[in-house]
């Protein structure tokens, strides 16, 4: 169930080569994040970097996240070794993975697969790709270089939340 592969230069945008779709997704995600501050800016696009503990596996995400989800499910608790996991979701075409990774695939509650990418050296899970959310890549919140402005927009599996965990999720403006 484990697989190793090397990913590099999957998406290397330049301002003049950005497709209309990528620009559209960047605009949508910019609105979705309610003006979140950026780690770095490339032209008018936000660029965020996340990496594993040893730095061998990393991902660059361009644009603001589409959503940030706190998950209290038992599988995320087991995967993180904590009481919940936090995934920062981006359109896959706006991400670029670099470095050697191992993968682990498991079925989610939807019955569809989730593929987790982790560093074979330090073991940190950096990203995952849920089959039930085609076209999205989730990045572990704790792996970002700059994470202060990344606030959850939703919580799922709240029925599995530990009684002592309290997370204030801002109400979405409609």
Foldseek 3Di string as FASTA:
>chain_A
DKDKDFFFCPADDAPVPDDPVNVVQLVQLCVQLVNFDAPDDHPNKGWWKFADPVRQKIKIAIHHFNFKEWEQDPVQCVLVVHRIFIWGKGQVNRMGIGHMWMWDWDADPVRWIKIWTAHPPPGDTAWIDTPVDPRMIIGTQVRIPDRPRPAGQYYPPCVNGDPPDDHDHDDDDD
